[in-house]
Amino acid sequence: MAYKLDQITIRTNNSKEGMQIISDIWKDITSGELPILFDSEHVFQQGISPVSKYSNYSSDENGDYDLTIMAVTGDFFQKMDVEVSKGFYKKYVEKCEDGEISVCARKAWEKVWDAEKSGHIHRTFTEDFESTVPSEYTKDGKAHCYLYIAIQ
């Protein structure tokens, strides 16, 4: 009997070691070793997108936090856009011409950090969400990154 996971959570940080652990988990998810995008029999789950949730921050982006990788459906993004319209989140969007997903995510996060440093946003460090889409899954052939950052 096949099974799938709805989410997986780890405690990590943005150190070199923490980033390697995150990279390893993503490799396991995209290969189907962790059955989030695929079930335990390696059947791809249609209509599911992986989203990273950052929560339970010990301080800010420099401290430990929980990373939960969740399987969501399209209505998740609609709900998050409602939260943006209410002013609870700020949405950042980045796309990369070369299709490199890690570069795309880094550019999006740099926009967040720049906005924070300049005082344009004040992060709450409650729950932030990231959806990165590899170029092979997009209509335009570019990598995309969508960030929803909790703000006050």
Protein backbone atom coordinates (compact mmCIF):
# COMPACT_ATOMS: atom_id res chain seq x y z
CA MET A 1 0.00 0.00 0.00
CA ALA A 2 1.42 3.37 -1.04
CA TYR A 3 1.65 6.28 1.36
CA LYS A 4 2.76 9.92 1.19
CA LEU A 5 3.81 12.58 3.67
CA ASP A 6 2.01 15.91 3.94
CA GLN A 7 5.05 17.58 5.47
CA ILE A 8 8.40 17.14 7.14
CA THR A 9 9.94 19.45 9.77
CA ILE A 10 13.53 19.91 10.89
CA ARG A 11 15.25 22.36 13.24
CA THR A 12 18.08 24.14 11.45
CA ASN A 13 19.78 27.46 10.79
CA ASN A 14 21.51 29.32 7.96
CA SER A 15 25.00 28.04 8.75
CA LYS A 16 26.97 26.17 6.11
CA GLU A 17 26.05 22.89 7.78
CA GLY A 18 22.38 23.87 8.06
CA MET A 19 22.24 24.80 4.39
CA GLN A 20 23.77 21.43 3.46
CA ILE A 21 21.11 19.59 5.49
CA ILE A 22 18.38 21.59 3.73
CA SER A 23 19.93 20.79 0.35
CA ASP A 24 20.07 17.08 1.21
CA ILE A 25 16.41 17.03 2.26
CA TRP A 26 15.36 18.73 -0.98
CA LYS A 27 17.32 16.13 -2.96
CA ASP A 28 15.46 13.39 -1.08
CA ILE A 29 12.12 15.07 -1.79
CA THR A 30 12.72 15.66 -5.49
CA SER A 31 14.06 12.13 -5.96
CA GLY A 32 11.05 10.64 -4.19
CA GLU A 33 13.06 9.20 -1.29
CA LEU A 34 10.91 11.31 1.03
CA PRO A 35 7.35 10.77 -0.27
CA ILE A 36 5.99 14.32 -0.42
CA LEU A 37 5.89 15.00 -4.17
CA PHE A 38 5.77 11.30 -4.95
CA ASP A 39 4.08 8.57 -2.98
CA SER A 40 6.09 5.70 -1.46
CA GLU A 41 5.85 3.81 -4.77
CA HIS A 42 7.39 6.82 -6.62
CA VAL A 43 4.15 7.90 -8.30
CA PHE A 44 4.12 11.69 -8.80
CA GLN A 45 1.25 13.41 -6.95
CA GLN A 46 -0.57 15.68 -9.41
CA GLY A 47 -1.66 19.12 -8.20
CA ILE A 48 0.83 19.23 -5.32
CA SER A 49 3.44 21.97 -4.87
CA PRO A 50 6.19 21.92 -2.25
CA VAL A 51 6.33 24.97 0.00
CA SER A 52 8.88 25.77 2.68
CA LYS A 53 7.52 27.21 5.91
CA TYR A 54 9.98 28.94 8.23
CA SER A 55 8.71 29.23 11.81
CA ASN A 56 9.58 29.04 15.50
CA TYR A 57 12.50 31.43 15.04
CA SER A 58 14.82 31.63 18.04
CA SER A 59 15.61 35.22 17.04
CA ASP A 60 15.88 36.24 13.40
CA GLU A 61 17.39 34.75 10.22
CA ASN A 62 20.69 34.37 12.08
CA GLY A 63 19.33 31.96 14.70
CA ASP A 64 17.75 28.52 14.66
CA TYR A 65 14.30 28.00 13.14
CA ASP A 66 11.96 25.21 12.11
CA LEU A 67 11.84 24.41 8.42
CA THR A 68 8.72 22.56 7.34
CA ILE A 69 8.43 21.40 3.75
CA MET A 70 4.74 21.00 3.00
CA ALA A 71 2.71 19.56 0.15
CA VAL A 72 0.09 22.18 -0.78
CA THR A 73 -2.54 22.65 -3.46
CA GLY A 74 -3.17 25.78 -5.54
CA ASP A 75 -5.61 27.27 -3.04
CA PHE A 76 -2.70 27.79 -0.63
CA PHE A 77 -1.35 30.57 -2.87
CA GLN A 78 -4.78 32.18 -3.21
CA LYS A 79 -5.10 32.24 0.60
CA MET A 80 -1.63 33.74 0.95
CA ASP A 81 -2.45 36.46 -1.57
CA VAL A 82 -5.48 37.36 0.60
CA GLU A 83 -3.13 37.64 3.59
CA VAL A 84 -0.91 39.95 1.51
CA SER A 85 -3.91 42.15 0.63
CA LYS A 86 -4.74 42.41 4.35
CA GLY A 87 -1.18 43.62 5.07
CA PHE A 88 -0.11 40.60 7.14
CA TYR A 89 2.46 39.45 4.58
CA LYS A 90 4.61 41.03 1.90
CA LYS A 91 5.06 39.06 -1.30
CA TYR A 92 8.39 38.98 -3.11
CA VAL A 93 8.69 37.48 -6.58
CA GLU A 94 11.87 36.74 -8.47
CA LYS A 95 12.59 34.89 -11.70
CA CYS A 96 15.90 33.90 -13.18
CA GLU A 97 16.57 33.82 -16.88
CA ASP A 98 19.22 31.13 -16.57
CA GLY A 99 16.84 28.79 -14.75
CA GLU A 100 19.11 28.36 -11.72
CA ILE A 101 16.72 27.85 -8.78
CA SER A 102 19.25 28.54 -6.00
CA VAL A 103 20.26 31.85 -7.60
CA CYS A 104 16.62 32.79 -7.95
CA ALA A 105 15.86 32.07 -4.29
CA ARG A 106 18.96 33.95 -3.17
CA LYS A 107 17.91 37.04 -5.18
CA ALA A 108 14.45 36.99 -3.61
CA TRP A 109 15.83 36.65 -0.08
CA GLU A 110 18.32 39.48 -0.73
CA LYS A 111 15.34 41.73 -1.60
CA VAL A 112 13.80 40.84 1.77
CA TRP A 113 17.02 41.52 3.69
CA ASP A 114 17.57 44.82 1.83
CA ALA A 115 13.99 45.93 2.59
CA GLU A 116 14.48 45.01 6.22
CA LYS A 117 17.82 46.85 6.53
CA SER A 118 16.39 49.96 4.87
CA GLY A 119 13.37 49.97 7.19
CA HIS A 120 10.80 49.35 4.43
CA ILE A 121 9.51 46.27 6.23
CA HIS A 122 9.52 45.01 9.79
CA ARG A 123 9.49 41.24 9.93
CA THR A 124 7.62 39.45 12.69
CA PHE A 125 9.63 36.19 12.41
CA THR A 126 6.47 34.16 13.01
CA GLU A 127 5.81 32.21 9.78
CA ASP A 128 7.35 32.89 6.39
CA PHE A 129 6.72 30.84 3.24
CA GLU A 130 8.81 30.13 0.14
CA SER A 131 7.84 28.44 -3.09
CA THR A 132 10.56 27.86 -5.65
CA VAL A 133 9.68 26.47 -9.04
CA PRO A 134 12.40 24.89 -11.19
CA SER A 135 12.52 26.05 -14.81
CA GLU A 136 11.46 22.64 -16.15
CA TYR A 137 8.04 23.15 -14.50
CA THR A 138 7.36 26.67 -15.80
CA LYS A 139 5.79 27.84 -19.03
CA ASP A 140 8.49 30.45 -19.66
CA GLY A 141 11.48 28.17 -18.91
CA LYS A 142 12.70 30.42 -16.08
CA ALA A 143 13.12 29.54 -12.41
CA HIS A 144 10.67 31.34 -10.13
CA CYS A 145 10.70 32.10 -6.41
CA TYR A 146 7.74 33.40 -4.40
CA LEU A 147 8.27 34.56 -0.82
CA TYR A 148 5.56 35.48 1.66
CA ILE A 149 7.18 37.33 4.55
CA ALA A 150 5.20 38.02 7.76
CA ILE A 151 5.29 41.73 8.56
CA GLN A 152 3.92 44.14 11.16
